[in-house]
Amino acid sequence: MYNNLDFCLCRKCAMIAAHYGCSDVFDNLIISLCKFTTLTSESVENLPTVFGSNTKAQTAAKTVFDLAHCHGNILREGWKNIMESMLQLFRAQLLPKVMVEMEDFVEPNGKISLQREEMPSNR
């Protein structure tokens, strides 16, 4: 099992790989960390409960997103896993509001949501 020290070591290995331009090593670390997030292995219906109750998965996700933010220029194949994780968070409606809204000059409030709202059926 991974603990916080293991994630710290993964982060340090990733930073070394990024510093020396070893994109294959960096990609493999990101891909491995993405597996620990459980974001792509759970169904959308179970994701909020499973991900919310698993601190190791949350730590792995934070590590992945931090590394992608700091060293995204060296990522190659790892982007696929990061985008799959982001899509799962989007489908489960777990992304913050600022990430699912954009400017809309037609709407009175100036913003439009990228997530569809379910309309009640009139049957």
Protein backbone atom coordinates (compact mmCIF):
# COMPACT_ATOMS: atom_id res chain seq x y z
CA MET A 1 0.00 0.00 0.00
CA TYR A 2 1.12 3.52 -0.73
CA ASN A 3 1.43 6.08 2.04
CA ASN A 4 2.23 9.79 1.96
CA LEU A 5 5.97 9.08 2.01
CA ASP A 6 5.58 6.97 -1.14
CA PHE A 7 3.75 9.82 -2.89
CA CYS A 8 6.50 12.19 -1.80
CA LEU A 9 9.09 9.83 -3.29
CA CYS A 10 7.07 9.58 -6.51
CA ARG A 11 6.95 13.37 -6.65
CA LYS A 12 10.74 13.60 -6.19
CA CYS A 13 11.36 10.94 -8.85
CA ALA A 14 9.06 12.80 -11.23
CA MET A 15 10.85 16.09 -10.57
CA ILE A 16 14.22 14.43 -11.29
CA ALA A 17 12.84 12.89 -14.49
CA ALA A 18 11.46 16.28 -15.54
CA HIS A 19 14.74 18.03 -14.77
CA TYR A 20 16.72 15.61 -16.95
CA GLY A 21 14.09 15.44 -19.70
CA CYS A 22 13.23 11.76 -19.22
CA SER A 23 9.69 11.96 -20.57
CA ASP A 24 9.22 8.18 -20.62
CA VAL A 25 10.03 7.90 -16.90
CA PHE A 26 7.81 10.89 -16.10
CA ASP A 27 4.95 9.44 -18.18
CA ASN A 28 5.21 6.07 -16.43
CA LEU A 29 5.08 7.73 -13.00
CA ILE A 30 2.01 9.75 -14.00
CA ILE A 31 0.28 6.70 -15.48
CA SER A 32 0.99 4.68 -12.31
CA LEU A 33 -0.25 7.47 -10.06
CA CYS A 34 -3.42 7.81 -12.15
CA LYS A 35 -4.21 4.17 -11.40
CA PHE A 36 -4.07 4.93 -7.66
CA THR A 37 -6.63 7.72 -8.00
CA THR A 38 -9.39 5.16 -8.76
CA LEU A 39 -10.93 7.81 -11.02
CA THR A 40 -10.92 5.67 -14.15
CA SER A 41 -11.73 2.34 -12.49
CA GLU A 42 -14.98 3.37 -10.78
CA SER A 43 -18.38 3.97 -12.32
CA VAL A 44 -19.61 7.56 -12.39
CA GLU A 45 -22.41 6.69 -9.96
CA ASN A 46 -20.01 5.30 -7.33
CA LEU A 47 -17.18 7.77 -7.89
CA PRO A 48 -18.23 10.49 -5.40
CA THR A 49 -18.53 7.98 -2.56
CA VAL A 50 -15.48 5.87 -3.38
CA PHE A 51 -13.17 8.77 -4.22
CA GLY A 52 -14.46 10.90 -1.35
CA SER A 53 -13.78 8.22 1.24
CA ASN A 54 -10.33 7.22 -0.05
CA THR A 55 -7.64 9.63 1.16
CA LYS A 56 -4.90 7.77 -0.74
CA ALA A 57 -6.80 8.20 -3.99
CA GLN A 58 -7.25 11.90 -3.24
CA THR A 59 -3.54 12.27 -2.44
CA ALA A 60 -2.62 10.48 -5.66
CA ALA A 61 -4.94 12.76 -7.64
CA LYS A 62 -3.47 15.88 -6.03
CA THR A 63 0.04 14.62 -6.79
CA VAL A 64 -0.85 13.87 -10.44
CA PHE A 65 -2.47 17.25 -11.01
CA ASP A 66 0.36 19.12 -9.22
CA LEU A 67 2.99 17.35 -11.32
CA ALA A 68 1.06 17.99 -14.54
CA HIS A 69 0.72 21.65 -13.60
CA CYS A 70 4.43 22.07 -12.83
CA HIS A 71 5.95 19.77 -15.47
CA GLY A 72 3.25 19.42 -18.14
CA ASN A 73 5.74 20.33 -20.84
CA ILE A 74 7.51 16.97 -20.45
CA LEU A 75 4.35 14.84 -20.44
CA ARG A 76 3.65 12.79 -23.54
CA GLU A 77 1.53 9.64 -23.13
CA GLY A 78 0.55 10.59 -19.57
CA TRP A 79 -1.84 13.29 -20.79
CA LYS A 80 -4.27 10.58 -21.91
CA ASN A 81 -4.61 9.29 -18.34
CA ILE A 82 -4.90 12.78 -16.90
CA MET A 83 -7.65 13.70 -19.37
CA GLU A 84 -9.52 10.44 -18.65
CA SER A 85 -9.38 11.30 -14.94
CA MET A 86 -10.63 14.84 -15.63
CA LEU A 87 -13.48 13.49 -17.77
CA GLN A 88 -14.55 11.14 -14.97
CA LEU A 89 -14.53 14.05 -12.50
CA PHE A 90 -16.61 16.06 -15.00
CA ARG A 91 -19.13 13.24 -15.54
CA ALA A 92 -19.47 12.73 -11.79
CA GLN A 93 -19.92 16.51 -11.36
CA LEU A 94 -16.99 16.72 -8.95
CA LEU A 95 -15.13 19.57 -10.66
CA PRO A 96 -15.31 23.03 -9.07
CA LYS A 97 -17.75 25.51 -10.57
CA VAL A 98 -14.95 27.66 -12.00
CA MET A 99 -13.84 24.73 -14.20
CA VAL A 100 -17.29 24.03 -15.66
CA GLU A 101 -18.37 27.60 -16.41
CA MET A 102 -17.35 29.94 -19.18
CA GLU A 103 -18.17 33.48 -20.22
CA ASP A 104 -21.36 34.01 -22.18
CA PHE A 105 -22.22 37.48 -23.37
CA VAL A 106 -25.85 36.58 -24.07
CA GLU A 107 -26.73 35.33 -20.58
CA PRO A 108 -27.68 38.03 -18.06
CA ASN A 109 -25.27 36.71 -15.42
CA GLY A 110 -22.41 36.54 -17.96
CA LYS A 111 -21.66 32.83 -17.38
CA ILE A 112 -22.89 29.55 -18.82
CA SER A 113 -22.41 26.10 -17.37
CA LEU A 114 -20.76 23.39 -19.45
CA GLN A 115 -22.71 20.74 -17.55
CA ARG A 116 -26.19 19.90 -18.74
CA GLU A 117 -28.98 20.30 -16.27
CA GLU A 118 -31.60 17.60 -16.37
CA MET A 119 -35.01 18.96 -17.17
CA PRO A 120 -37.98 17.41 -15.38
CA SER A 121 -40.15 15.49 -17.78
CA ASN A 122 -43.82 16.46 -18.12
CA ARG A 123 -45.36 13.01 -18.47
